[in-house]
Protein backbone atom coordinates (compact mmCIF):
# COMPACT_ATOMS: atom_id res chain seq x y z
CA MET A 1 31.34 46.84 -4.97
CA LEU A 2 33.61 49.28 -6.73
CA LYS A 3 36.15 48.08 -9.24
CA LYS A 4 39.64 47.86 -7.78
CA LYS A 5 40.95 50.70 -9.95
CA THR A 6 38.11 52.98 -8.82
CA VAL A 7 38.85 52.20 -5.19
CA LEU A 8 42.51 52.97 -5.78
CA LEU A 9 41.63 56.25 -7.48
CA ILE A 10 39.42 57.27 -4.58
CA LYS A 11 42.27 56.51 -2.19
CA LEU A 12 44.71 58.63 -4.17
CA ILE A 13 42.33 61.59 -4.18
CA ILE A 14 41.56 61.34 -0.49
CA CYS A 15 45.24 61.01 0.39
CA PHE A 16 45.75 64.63 -0.73
CA ILE A 17 43.19 65.95 1.75
CA LEU A 18 43.33 63.53 4.68
CA ALA A 19 45.93 62.47 7.16
CA LEU A 20 45.92 58.79 7.87
CA PRO A 21 45.48 58.36 11.63
CA VAL A 22 44.82 54.85 12.80
CA LEU A 23 41.57 54.06 14.59
CA GLY A 24 41.73 52.63 17.01
CA TYR A 25 52.03 20.89 23.47
CA SER A 26 54.87 18.73 23.52
CA ALA A 27 54.73 14.93 23.25
CA GLU A 28 51.25 14.95 24.76
CA ASN A 29 49.49 16.48 21.77
CA SER A 30 47.38 13.38 21.23
CA GLN A 31 45.58 13.72 24.53
CA LYS A 32 42.01 14.88 24.17
CA ARG A 33 41.18 17.80 26.45
CA THR A 34 37.85 19.26 25.56
CA CYS A 35 34.95 21.39 26.71
CA GLY A 36 31.66 19.65 27.47
CA THR A 37 29.47 22.56 26.33
CA PRO A 38 29.14 21.56 22.61
CA GLY A 39 27.50 18.29 23.67
CA PHE A 40 24.47 20.19 24.89
CA TYR A 41 23.85 22.11 21.66
CA LYS A 42 20.84 20.08 20.45
CA LYS A 43 19.16 20.21 23.85
CA LYS A 44 19.77 23.95 24.02
CA VAL A 45 18.22 24.61 20.62
CA GLU A 46 15.24 22.39 21.43
CA LEU A 47 14.50 24.32 24.64
CA LEU A 48 15.07 27.72 23.02
CA ARG A 49 12.17 27.04 20.67
CA LYS A 50 9.91 27.48 23.70
CA ASN A 51 11.13 31.08 24.13
CA PRO A 52 12.09 30.72 27.80
CA THR A 53 12.50 33.74 30.04
CA GLY A 54 14.54 32.14 32.82
CA ILE A 55 12.69 34.28 35.35
CA LEU A 56 10.82 33.21 38.48
CA THR A 57 8.14 35.37 40.05
CA LYS A 58 8.55 36.72 43.56
CA ASP A 59 6.08 34.16 44.90
CA GLU A 60 7.99 31.36 43.18
CA LEU A 61 11.28 32.63 44.60
CA ILE A 62 9.75 32.61 48.10
CA LYS A 63 8.25 29.15 47.59
CA LYS A 64 11.59 27.72 46.43
CA GLY A 65 13.42 29.23 49.40
CA TYR A 66 15.46 31.81 47.50
CA LEU A 67 13.69 34.66 49.33
CA ASN A 68 12.19 34.78 52.81
CA LYS A 69 8.51 35.51 53.32
CA ASN A 70 9.24 39.25 53.26
CA GLY A 71 10.83 38.97 49.86
CA VAL A 72 14.40 39.43 51.14
CA ARG A 73 17.12 37.19 49.68
CA ILE A 74 18.31 34.47 52.02
CA ALA A 75 22.07 34.85 52.15
CA LYS A 76 24.19 31.80 51.44
CA GLN A 77 26.79 30.99 54.06
CA VAL A 78 30.20 29.33 53.77
CA GLY A 79 29.67 25.77 54.92
CA ASP A 80 26.22 25.38 53.36
CA VAL A 81 25.76 22.01 51.66
CA GLU A 82 23.58 21.83 48.55
CA SER A 83 22.61 19.25 45.94
CA PHE A 84 23.45 19.83 42.28
CA TYR A 85 22.50 18.11 39.05
CA THR A 86 25.64 17.23 37.07
CA HIS A 87 26.24 15.47 33.78
CA ASN A 88 27.79 12.04 33.27
CA PHE A 89 29.42 12.24 29.85
CA ALA A 90 29.87 8.48 29.53
CA THR A 91 26.18 7.67 30.00
CA ASP A 92 24.81 11.04 28.84
CA THR A 93 22.63 11.21 31.93
CA GLU A 94 22.22 13.55 34.85
CA GLU A 95 23.46 12.70 38.35
CA THR A 96 22.99 14.37 41.71
CA ILE A 97 25.97 15.29 43.87
CA SER A 98 26.47 17.10 47.18
CA ALA A 99 28.80 20.09 47.33
CA LYS A 100 29.82 22.50 50.07
CA LEU A 101 29.99 26.28 49.67
CA MET A 102 33.60 27.20 50.42
CA SER A 103 33.93 30.81 49.19
CA VAL A 104 31.67 33.82 48.69
CA SER A 105 32.89 36.92 46.85
CA ALA A 106 31.19 39.95 45.37
CA ASN A 107 30.56 38.10 42.10
CA ALA A 108 30.82 34.38 42.70
CA TYR A 109 30.23 31.39 44.92
CA VAL A 110 32.72 28.51 44.88
CA TYR A 111 31.31 25.09 45.75
CA VAL A 112 33.35 21.89 46.01
CA GLN A 113 32.04 18.36 45.58
CA ILE A 114 32.30 16.49 48.87
CA ALA A 115 32.94 13.03 47.39
CA ASP A 116 32.96 11.53 43.90
CA SER A 117 30.60 8.83 42.62
CA ALA A 118 32.83 6.08 44.05
CA GLY A 119 32.81 7.67 47.50
CA ASN A 120 36.35 9.08 47.28
CA LYS A 121 36.70 12.46 48.99
CA VAL A 122 37.22 15.46 46.71
CA LEU A 123 37.01 18.27 49.27
CA TYR A 124 39.92 17.88 51.67
CA ASP A 125 38.94 16.65 55.15
CA SER A 126 41.55 17.64 57.72
CA ASN A 127 40.21 15.12 60.22
CA SER A 128 40.61 12.08 57.98
CA GLY A 129 43.34 13.48 55.75
CA GLU A 130 41.31 12.41 52.72
CA GLY A 131 40.45 14.55 49.71
CA TYR A 132 42.66 16.81 47.58
CA ILE A 133 40.96 20.22 47.10
CA THR A 134 42.08 22.37 50.02
CA GLN A 135 40.98 25.77 51.27
CA THR A 136 44.24 27.14 49.89
CA ASP A 137 43.26 25.87 46.44
CA ILE A 138 39.79 27.36 46.76
CA ASP A 139 41.05 30.76 47.86
CA ALA A 140 43.51 30.84 44.94
CA ILE A 141 40.73 30.00 42.47
CA ALA A 142 38.32 32.57 43.94
CA SER A 143 41.00 35.26 43.89
CA LYS A 144 42.01 34.51 40.31
CA PHE A 145 38.39 34.63 39.18
CA TYR A 146 37.69 37.96 40.84
CA ASN A 147 39.97 40.28 42.79
CA SER A 148 38.85 43.83 43.45
CA SER A 149 42.45 44.98 43.93
CA ASN A 150 43.68 43.55 40.61
CA SER A 151 41.72 44.13 37.40
CA GLN A 152 43.69 41.35 35.68
CA ASN A 153 41.19 38.79 36.94
CA ILE A 154 39.12 36.38 34.87
CA TYR A 155 35.81 38.06 35.61
CA GLU A 156 36.87 41.49 34.40
CA VAL A 157 39.11 40.38 31.52
CA VAL A 158 36.49 38.14 29.94
CA ARG A 159 33.66 40.64 30.43
CA SER A 160 35.71 43.51 29.00
CA ASN A 161 36.41 41.52 25.81
CA PHE A 162 33.16 39.64 25.22
CA GLY A 163 30.33 41.43 27.04
CA GLU A 164 28.23 40.64 30.06
CA GLU A 165 26.32 37.60 31.21
CA LYS A 166 22.70 37.68 32.37
CA THR A 167 22.19 39.96 35.34
CA ALA A 168 20.77 37.09 37.41
CA GLY A 169 19.83 33.46 37.10
CA PRO A 170 16.31 32.09 37.62
CA ASP A 171 17.01 32.17 41.38
CA GLY A 172 17.31 35.96 41.13
CA ASP A 173 20.93 35.90 42.37
CA ALA A 174 23.44 38.09 40.56
CA ARG A 175 26.38 36.00 41.78
CA LEU A 176 27.42 33.10 39.59
CA THR A 177 28.28 29.65 40.87
CA ILE A 178 31.57 27.84 40.18
CA LEU A 179 31.21 24.15 40.97
CA LEU A 180 34.48 22.23 41.37
CA LEU A 181 33.87 18.52 40.87
CA ASP A 182 35.34 15.34 39.52
CA ILE A 183 33.40 15.15 36.26
CA SER A 184 32.16 11.56 35.99
CA ASN A 185 33.73 9.09 33.56
CA ASP A 186 35.72 11.63 31.62
CA TYR A 187 39.12 9.96 31.78
CA ALA A 188 41.56 9.27 28.98
CA MET A 189 45.04 7.80 29.30
CA ILE A 190 48.43 9.10 28.21
CA VAL A 191 51.96 7.82 28.72
CA LYS A 192 54.46 10.29 30.10
CA ASN A 193 58.07 9.45 31.00
CA GLY A 194 57.23 5.76 30.83
CA ALA A 195 54.25 5.97 33.19
CA SER A 196 50.54 5.94 32.39
CA TYR A 197 48.53 8.96 33.48
CA GLN A 198 44.85 9.74 33.60
CA VAL A 199 44.05 13.02 31.91
CA THR A 200 40.70 14.63 31.51
CA GLY A 201 38.54 14.44 28.44
CA THR A 202 36.14 17.08 29.78
CA MET A 203 37.84 19.95 31.55
CA GLY A 204 34.63 21.83 32.27
CA TYR A 205 31.31 22.87 30.85
CA PHE A 206 28.59 25.49 30.85
CA TYR A 207 25.06 24.08 30.75
CA SER A 208 22.58 26.65 29.47
CA VAL A 209 19.62 24.68 30.88
CA ASP A 210 20.67 25.97 34.31
CA LEU A 211 19.47 29.42 33.18
CA LEU A 212 15.93 28.05 32.70
CA THR A 213 13.31 27.54 35.36
CA THR A 214 12.24 24.01 36.26
CA GLN A 215 8.97 24.56 34.45
CA GLU A 216 10.73 25.77 31.28
CA ALA A 217 13.27 22.94 31.33
CA GLY A 218 10.55 20.30 31.56
CA SER A 219 12.01 16.84 32.08
CA THR A 220 15.58 18.17 31.87
CA PRO A 221 17.07 18.89 35.32
CA THR A 222 18.13 22.47 35.96
CA ASN A 223 20.01 24.04 38.87
CA GLU A 224 18.20 27.35 38.25
CA ARG A 225 21.24 29.60 38.57
CA LYS A 226 24.13 31.15 36.66
CA MET A 227 26.85 28.53 36.91
CA PHE A 228 29.52 26.49 35.24
CA TYR A 229 31.37 23.31 36.13
CA ILE A 230 35.15 22.84 36.47
CA ASP A 231 36.83 19.43 36.64
CA THR A 232 39.16 18.68 39.56
CA TYR A 233 40.68 15.33 38.58
CA PRO A 234 42.64 15.22 36.43
CA THR A 235 42.32 18.90 35.33
CA LEU A 236 43.71 20.23 38.59
CA GLU A 237 45.37 17.10 39.90
CA TYR A 238 46.55 13.90 38.24
CA GLY A 239 48.95 11.08 38.92
CA SER A 240 50.42 7.93 37.42
CA ASP A 241 48.32 4.85 36.55
CA THR A 242 44.70 4.11 37.45
CA SER A 243 45.50 3.22 41.05
CA TYR A 244 46.88 6.70 41.77
CA LYS A 245 45.19 8.45 44.68
CA PRO A 246 44.89 12.22 44.25
CA ASN A 247 46.66 14.29 46.89
CA THR A 248 46.90 17.92 47.90
CA ASP A 249 50.28 18.95 46.49
CA HIS A 250 49.36 18.73 42.77
CA THR A 251 53.07 18.56 41.91
CA GLU A 252 52.65 15.98 39.15
CA LYS A 253 50.87 18.56 37.04
CA ASP A 254 53.09 20.22 34.45
CA ASP A 255 52.37 23.60 36.00
CA ALA A 256 53.04 22.25 39.52
CA GLY A 257 49.71 23.15 41.03
CA ILE A 258 46.66 25.17 40.16
CA GLY A 259 47.56 26.86 36.91
CA ASN A 260 46.89 27.18 33.22
CA ASP A 261 44.56 24.22 32.74
CA LEU A 262 42.15 25.29 35.47
CA PHE A 263 42.35 29.06 34.99
CA GLY A 264 42.07 28.65 31.24
CA THR A 265 38.98 26.50 31.71
CA LEU A 266 37.41 29.11 34.01
CA SER A 267 37.92 31.76 31.31
CA HIS A 268 36.68 29.39 28.60
CA GLU A 269 33.42 28.48 30.34
CA PHE A 270 32.70 32.04 31.44
CA GLN A 271 32.82 33.15 27.80
CA HIS A 272 30.23 30.46 27.00
CA MET A 273 27.95 31.89 29.67
CA ILE A 274 28.34 35.39 28.25
CA HIS A 275 27.85 34.23 24.66
CA TYR A 276 24.67 32.35 25.55
CA SER A 277 23.34 35.40 27.37
CA ASN A 278 23.76 37.53 24.24
CA ASP A 279 23.32 35.08 21.34
CA PRO A 280 21.96 31.79 22.70
CA ASP A 281 21.96 29.81 19.44
CA GLU A 282 25.45 30.73 18.20
CA GLU A 283 27.19 28.13 16.06
CA THR A 284 29.53 25.85 18.00
CA TRP A 285 32.73 26.61 16.05
CA LEU A 286 32.50 30.37 16.62
CA ASN A 287 31.44 30.00 20.25
CA GLU A 288 34.32 27.62 20.99
CA GLY A 289 36.76 29.82 19.08
CA ASN A 290 35.83 32.76 21.26
CA SER A 291 36.21 30.65 24.41
CA MET A 292 39.71 29.69 23.30
CA LEU A 293 40.37 33.37 22.65
CA ALA A 294 39.17 34.09 26.21
CA GLU A 295 41.82 31.69 27.52
CA TYR A 296 44.47 33.49 25.51
CA LEU A 297 43.38 36.98 26.54
CA PHE A 298 43.61 36.04 30.21
CA LEU A 299 46.64 33.75 30.22
CA GLY A 300 48.56 35.02 27.22
CA ASP A 301 50.74 32.59 25.27
CA ASN A 302 50.71 29.43 27.36
CA SER A 303 51.13 25.66 27.33
CA SER A 304 47.41 25.11 27.91
CA THR A 305 46.51 26.21 24.38
CA LYS A 306 49.64 25.17 22.46
CA GLY A 307 48.50 21.59 21.98
CA TYR A 308 45.33 22.68 20.22
CA ILE A 309 47.21 24.86 17.74
CA SER A 310 49.85 22.20 17.10
CA ASN A 311 47.19 19.59 16.36
CA PHE A 312 45.60 21.85 13.76
CA LEU A 313 48.87 22.88 12.10
CA ALA A 314 49.84 19.22 11.80
CA ASP A 315 46.78 18.81 9.56
CA PRO A 316 45.56 22.21 8.33
CA SER A 317 42.82 20.55 6.26
CA ASP A 318 40.62 20.40 9.37
CA SER A 319 37.32 22.23 8.82
CA LEU A 320 36.73 25.51 10.61
CA THR A 321 32.95 25.14 10.70
CA THR A 322 32.32 21.40 11.04
CA TRP A 323 32.69 20.57 14.72
CA GLY A 324 34.25 17.22 15.67
CA ASP A 325 35.17 17.95 19.32
CA GLN A 326 38.83 17.10 18.73
CA GLU A 327 41.79 19.23 19.76
CA ALA A 328 42.38 20.23 16.12
CA ASN A 329 38.83 21.68 16.05
CA TYR A 330 39.67 23.89 19.01
CA GLY A 331 42.97 24.88 17.37
CA VAL A 332 41.46 26.01 14.06
CA ALA A 333 38.57 27.86 15.75
CA TYR A 334 41.00 29.54 18.15
CA LEU A 335 43.32 30.80 15.41
CA TYR A 336 40.40 32.17 13.40
CA ALA A 337 38.93 33.96 16.43
CA LEU A 338 42.34 35.43 17.24
CA TYR A 339 42.77 36.55 13.63
CA ILE A 340 39.43 38.40 13.73
CA TYR A 341 40.35 39.94 17.09
CA GLU A 342 43.74 41.18 15.90
CA HIS A 343 42.74 42.39 12.43
CA PHE A 344 39.30 43.88 12.89
CA GLY A 345 39.21 46.05 15.97
CA GLY A 346 39.89 43.83 18.99
CA SER A 347 37.38 43.57 21.82
CA PHE A 348 35.14 46.25 20.30
CA THR A 349 34.43 44.02 17.31
CA VAL A 350 34.35 40.77 19.28
CA LYS A 351 31.66 42.14 21.60
CA LYS A 352 29.57 43.08 18.58
CA ILE A 353 29.96 39.59 17.11
CA VAL A 354 28.95 38.00 20.43
CA SER A 355 25.84 40.18 20.66
CA GLU A 356 24.93 39.89 16.95
CA SER A 357 21.82 37.74 16.47
CA GLY A 358 23.09 36.42 13.14
CA ASN A 359 25.15 33.29 13.63
CA GLY A 360 28.52 32.15 12.28
CA PHE A 361 29.74 33.94 9.16
CA THR A 362 26.40 35.72 8.81
CA GLY A 363 26.98 37.49 12.10
CA ILE A 364 30.64 38.21 11.35
CA ASP A 365 29.76 39.61 7.92
CA THR A 366 27.07 41.88 9.42
CA VAL A 367 29.42 43.27 12.05
CA ILE A 368 32.34 43.76 9.66
CA LYS A 369 30.22 45.59 7.10
CA ASN A 370 28.51 47.76 9.72
CA MET A 371 31.96 48.86 10.84
CA GLY A 372 32.83 50.02 7.32
CA TYR A 373 35.21 47.28 6.20
CA ILE A 374 35.14 46.55 2.47
CA ILE A 375 35.91 42.85 2.66
CA SER A 376 33.92 39.63 2.45
CA THR A 377 34.13 36.76 4.93
CA ASN A 378 35.49 34.61 2.09
CA GLU A 379 38.39 36.99 1.54
CA ILE A 380 39.01 37.08 5.30
CA PHE A 381 39.17 33.28 5.16
CA GLN A 382 41.67 33.48 2.30
CA ASN A 383 43.86 35.98 4.14
CA TRP A 384 43.69 33.88 7.32
CA ALA A 385 44.76 30.77 5.38
CA VAL A 386 47.77 32.70 4.04
CA ALA A 387 48.62 33.92 7.56
CA ASN A 388 48.68 30.32 8.78
CA LEU A 389 51.27 29.60 6.09
CA LEU A 390 53.45 32.69 6.32
CA ASP A 391 53.24 33.83 9.93
CA ASN A 392 56.60 35.14 11.06
CA ALA A 393 58.28 33.91 7.89
CA ASP A 394 60.83 36.09 6.13
CA THR A 395 58.12 37.36 3.84
CA GLY A 396 59.75 40.59 2.80
CA THR A 397 56.53 42.47 3.44
CA ASN A 398 54.89 44.15 6.39
CA ASP A 399 51.41 43.28 5.18
CA PHE A 400 49.60 42.64 8.42
CA ALA A 401 46.82 40.74 6.63
CA TYR A 402 49.11 37.74 6.23
CA ARG A 403 50.41 37.29 9.77
CA TYR A 404 49.46 37.25 13.43
CA ASP A 405 50.45 40.10 15.66
CA THR A 406 50.97 38.28 18.97
CA LEU A 407 51.75 34.68 17.99
CA ASN A 408 54.68 33.08 16.24
CA LEU A 409 53.19 29.92 14.75
CA THR A 410 56.58 28.32 14.30
CA ASP A 411 56.72 28.00 18.10
CA TYR A 412 53.60 25.83 18.06
CA GLU A 413 54.43 23.21 15.49
CA THR A 414 55.32 19.64 16.34
CA THR A 415 57.10 19.39 12.97
CA PRO A 416 58.30 22.05 10.53
CA LYS A 417 55.42 23.59 8.64
CA VAL A 418 57.00 22.76 5.29
CA SER A 419 56.57 19.04 5.95
CA ASN A 420 52.82 19.54 6.05
CA ILE A 421 52.72 20.79 2.46
CA SER A 422 52.72 18.42 -0.52
CA PHE A 423 55.63 18.94 -2.90
CA ILE A 424 55.39 18.29 -6.62
CA LYS A 425 57.89 18.90 -9.39
CA PRO A 426 56.32 18.24 -12.78
CA GLY A 427 58.32 17.65 -15.91
CA ASP A 428 58.37 19.76 -19.03
CA GLY A 429 54.95 18.55 -20.16
CA SER A 430 51.95 18.94 -17.91
CA ASN A 431 51.12 17.72 -14.45
CA SER A 432 47.88 17.65 -12.52
CA GLY A 433 46.53 16.95 -9.10
CA SER A 434 43.28 16.94 -7.19
CA GLY A 435 41.90 16.69 -3.69
CA VAL A 436 38.79 16.66 -1.56
CA VAL A 437 38.46 19.42 1.01
CA ASP A 438 35.83 19.82 3.72
CA GLY A 439 33.70 22.94 3.93
CA TYR A 440 35.73 25.94 5.12
CA ALA A 441 38.93 23.96 5.14
CA THR A 442 42.17 24.25 3.20
CA GLU A 443 44.82 22.17 1.49
CA TYR A 444 48.28 23.51 0.69
CA THR A 445 50.30 22.32 -2.31
CA LYS A 446 53.77 23.63 -3.06
CA ILE A 447 54.80 23.79 -6.71
CA THR A 448 58.50 24.15 -7.36
CA TYR A 449 59.60 25.69 -10.65
CA ASN A 450 60.44 23.30 -13.45
CA SER A 451 59.57 25.15 -16.68
CA GLN A 452 55.84 25.47 -15.98
CA LYS A 453 54.05 28.28 -17.78
CA THR A 454 50.38 28.05 -16.83
CA LEU A 455 48.17 26.96 -13.95
CA THR A 456 44.50 26.02 -14.20
CA PHE A 457 42.48 25.54 -11.02
CA THR A 458 39.01 24.01 -11.09
CA GLY A 459 36.61 23.97 -8.15
CA SER A 460 33.33 25.84 -8.18
CA THR A 461 33.01 26.24 -4.39
CA PHE A 462 36.63 27.22 -3.84
CA SER A 463 38.30 30.58 -3.29
CA PRO A 464 41.86 29.56 -4.24
CA VAL A 465 44.98 31.52 -3.40
CA ALA A 466 48.41 31.34 -5.03
CA VAL A 467 51.25 32.46 -2.78
CA LYS A 468 54.36 33.25 -4.82
CA LEU A 469 57.61 32.77 -2.98
CA ASN A 470 61.25 33.20 -3.79
CA GLY A 471 62.75 30.91 -1.19
CA THR A 472 61.04 32.13 1.96
CA SER A 473 60.48 35.68 0.72
CA LEU A 474 56.96 36.60 -0.29
CA ILE A 475 56.64 37.98 -3.79
CA CYS A 476 52.89 38.12 -4.21
CA VAL A 477 49.58 36.80 -2.88
CA GLU A 478 47.26 36.25 -5.82
CA LYS A 479 43.54 35.78 -5.17
CA SER A 480 42.13 36.57 -8.63
CA ILE A 481 41.88 32.99 -9.85
CA THR A 482 38.81 31.94 -11.84
CA SER A 483 37.76 28.30 -11.77
CA GLY A 484 38.58 26.55 -15.05
CA LYS A 485 40.55 29.44 -16.48
CA ALA A 486 44.26 29.05 -17.22
CA VAL A 487 46.51 31.77 -15.87
CA LEU A 488 50.05 32.57 -16.93
CA LEU A 489 52.91 32.03 -14.50
CA THR A 490 54.87 35.04 -15.69
CA ASP A 491 58.36 35.32 -14.16
CA PHE A 492 58.04 31.87 -12.59
CA GLY A 493 61.61 30.68 -12.16
CA SER A 494 63.08 34.16 -12.19
CA THR A 495 61.20 36.49 -9.83
CA TYR A 496 59.75 33.67 -7.79
CA SER A 497 60.81 30.02 -7.45
CA ASP A 498 57.79 28.44 -5.77
CA ILE A 499 54.04 28.70 -5.62
CA VAL A 500 52.00 27.48 -2.69
CA LEU A 501 48.53 26.79 -3.99
CA ILE A 502 45.93 27.07 -1.22
CA ALA A 503 42.71 25.25 -2.10
CA ALA A 504 40.26 27.03 0.21
CA ASN A 505 36.78 25.52 0.08
CA THR A 506 34.34 28.26 1.03
CA ASP A 507 31.26 26.08 0.90
CA TYR A 508 29.73 26.30 4.36
CA GLU A 509 29.21 22.62 5.09
CA SER A 510 29.89 20.30 2.15
CA ALA A 511 33.17 18.71 1.14
CA ALA A 512 34.13 19.42 -2.47
CA THR A 513 36.66 18.26 -5.05
CA TYR A 514 39.20 20.50 -6.73
CA SER A 515 41.80 19.87 -9.40
CA TYR A 516 44.68 21.75 -10.91
CA THR A 517 46.75 21.39 -14.08
CA ILE A 518 50.21 22.80 -14.59
CA GLY A 519 51.27 23.36 -18.18
CA GLY A 520 54.87 23.16 -19.35
CA ASP A 521 56.65 24.68 -22.35
CA THR A 522 54.82 22.53 -24.87
CA GLY A 523 51.43 23.75 -23.72
CA ALA A 524 52.25 27.38 -23.19
CA THR A 525 50.63 28.73 -26.36
CA ASP A 526 47.34 26.92 -25.92
CA ASP A 527 47.14 27.72 -22.23
CA THR A 528 47.90 31.36 -22.91
CA ASP A 529 44.96 31.51 -25.30
CA ASP A 530 42.77 30.45 -22.41
CA THR A 531 43.75 33.54 -20.46
CA SER A 532 42.40 35.94 -23.06
CA ASP A 533 38.71 36.68 -23.30
CA ASP A 534 38.00 35.16 -26.71
CA THR A 535 40.18 37.55 -28.67
CA ASP A 536 40.61 36.55 -32.28
CA ASP A 537 44.21 37.62 -32.70
CA THR A 538 46.86 35.90 -30.64
CA SER A 539 50.60 35.59 -30.99
CA ASP A 540 52.61 32.59 -29.94
CA ASP A 541 53.32 34.09 -26.55
CA THR A 542 50.82 36.90 -25.82
CA SER A 543 47.53 38.37 -26.89
CA ASP A 544 47.96 41.27 -29.32
CA ASP A 545 44.90 42.86 -27.78
CA ALA A 546 46.31 42.89 -24.26
CA SER A 547 44.88 45.69 -22.16
CA ASP A 548 46.92 48.75 -21.22
CA ASP A 549 47.35 47.48 -17.68
CA ALA A 550 48.87 44.14 -18.63
CA SER A 551 52.59 43.55 -18.87
CA ASP A 552 54.25 42.76 -22.19
CA ASP A 553 54.36 39.10 -21.24
CA VAL A 554 50.75 38.66 -20.25
CA SER A 555 47.53 38.25 -22.17
CA ASP A 556 44.91 40.41 -20.49
CA ASP A 557 41.91 41.24 -22.57
CA ALA A 558 39.98 40.08 -19.53
CA SER A 559 37.80 42.45 -17.56
CA ASP A 560 39.11 44.26 -14.50
CA ASP A 561 37.93 41.39 -12.33
CA ASP A 562 39.65 38.71 -14.44
CA GLU A 563 43.28 39.35 -13.59
CA VAL A 564 46.07 36.90 -14.39
CA PHE A 565 49.31 36.23 -12.56
CA GLY A 566 51.58 38.09 -14.95
CA GLY A 567 50.25 41.53 -14.22
CA ASP A 568 50.47 41.05 -10.47
CA ILE A 569 47.75 43.72 -10.20
CA GLY A 570 46.26 43.36 -6.73
CA CYS A 571 49.29 41.76 -5.13
CA TYR A 572 49.70 43.30 -1.69
CA ILE A 573 46.44 45.21 -2.23
CA ALA A 574 43.99 43.82 0.30
CA THR A 575 40.36 44.87 0.03
CA ALA A 576 40.67 46.19 3.57
CA SER A 577 43.81 47.71 5.06
CA TYR A 578 45.09 46.75 8.48
CA SER A 579 47.25 48.30 11.14
CA SER A 580 49.36 46.49 13.70
CA ASP A 581 46.80 46.95 16.47
CA GLY A 582 44.06 45.32 14.41
CA ALA A 583 42.24 48.55 13.57
CA GLN A 584 41.34 49.75 10.11
CA THR A 585 42.65 53.07 8.84
CA LEU A 586 40.39 56.09 8.58
CA LEU A 587 41.10 56.14 4.86
CA ASP A 588 39.51 52.74 4.39
CA ARG A 589 36.43 53.82 6.32
CA VAL A 590 36.05 56.86 4.06
CA VAL A 591 36.57 54.72 0.95
CA GLY A 592 33.94 52.33 2.29
CA PHE A 593 31.52 55.19 2.74
CA VAL A 594 32.17 56.53 -0.76
CA ALA A 595 31.80 53.03 -2.20
CA GLU A 596 28.36 52.77 -0.66
CA LEU A 597 27.32 55.85 -2.65
CA PHE A 598 27.96 54.11 -6.00
């Protein structure tokens, strides 16, 4: 990679000959509302090793009753009753249920479970008055999933942003199946307004085994079709205490009927189907992040996703890449996926990531570099961590790298963000601290000025960031911090009053320990010596051999890559430039091309 000064020089030259057009929850946060898809990851990987095709021959399709003897597809009719394999998440076993086909559209079938495992009706029966999923509900769901007269439907929105699912399932049918059912033993309890409520643990799931033939799936049951599963109780309907009997008005739901929870889940599971069709062994955190992004792209800012974000912001040390199936995991993965979407080209880039065979950061890095961005995934992670801190703050800068375009994170927090950051105020001597951070996770420590002169950060797997603030105004984001090397805090106490130290562990999986030491007046001379690169001549305050680019107050005999705070070289200079619509400027693409020539 080019040195920063060379990149800057190239930019200055090109600027003379180019224009610069731009290319393209509340009190219930503790409830656990999750997707069932991650639980099938091991089974999926095991079956993928057999290189399945998911295709039945014509003779097999005829034998199984999908085609008639002439090879013509046997049309499904509203009212047909079929058996489906479904998953019991409490026992981790498969069950068989009966469901009735209630809607057929150009792209989807909607089936509804007739009765749950206890014999309680799910599909409303007008004769007995039992059940709670009505034809009105079904029509609303079918219309929201696909509506030829309104392109703002789940089917088209999710496909336009993430790609396309398999053309057909093993049954040869291009239509996908949406099965509405009461997912077995998925309940959790919350207390709301003094009453206990059942809320769902599993809101829905996509089971990739359904895209395999019976022969390919072996002993694992498969429904041999494109399909996903959506919970009805309590995702669509819930009521107070365990004796509550579901009814058809759904008015006890926060959204007073079919709304964000169900439509968000439809979008979420459809993205899983598309992702599997393009990159079947994608890592869980990235797959789930994209499914959360799918919810956002269809619903916009909504109550269904706020709880996930709030849970993460309440403890921002939650790992991005280590999946724990908690709401905070969904929150961190969602924010990262949204950050990539907004800063690196929107749906165009997301589609490429979904279809990229490389998984996790490997896939992201491949796509980003192929698009001409001069930035590493570690630096993206650093910038994202800063955005989580500063979003919509009075930063005094328009640097898009350090904020979200469509979210205001202060709207999502259960408590003020500042309360989630540790405060320290060392004395005139020295002070130190340490912590253990999971892989691809962060810890934020705020250091308030009290005569400190130097900061030394140690942590070999970390990519630390120092955010310099004067009150709430951003002064500088410093990323050139070398482990074990003391850096001067020039102008600390005058130009800026606080530093938020972000310990970002960029080790993929392992937790790691970091430490920092803050030197006061008495240690300033010795610590300053540490910032020079073994020069023999030093003064009490600065290195006499400071480079031409350093300020008078800073020792900087270091190489171009060993910057110290005092010079503030690189502050506001991101390796890649961003525009408000998430696209990179043409200038950066040209610089990237020139850089590749060196």
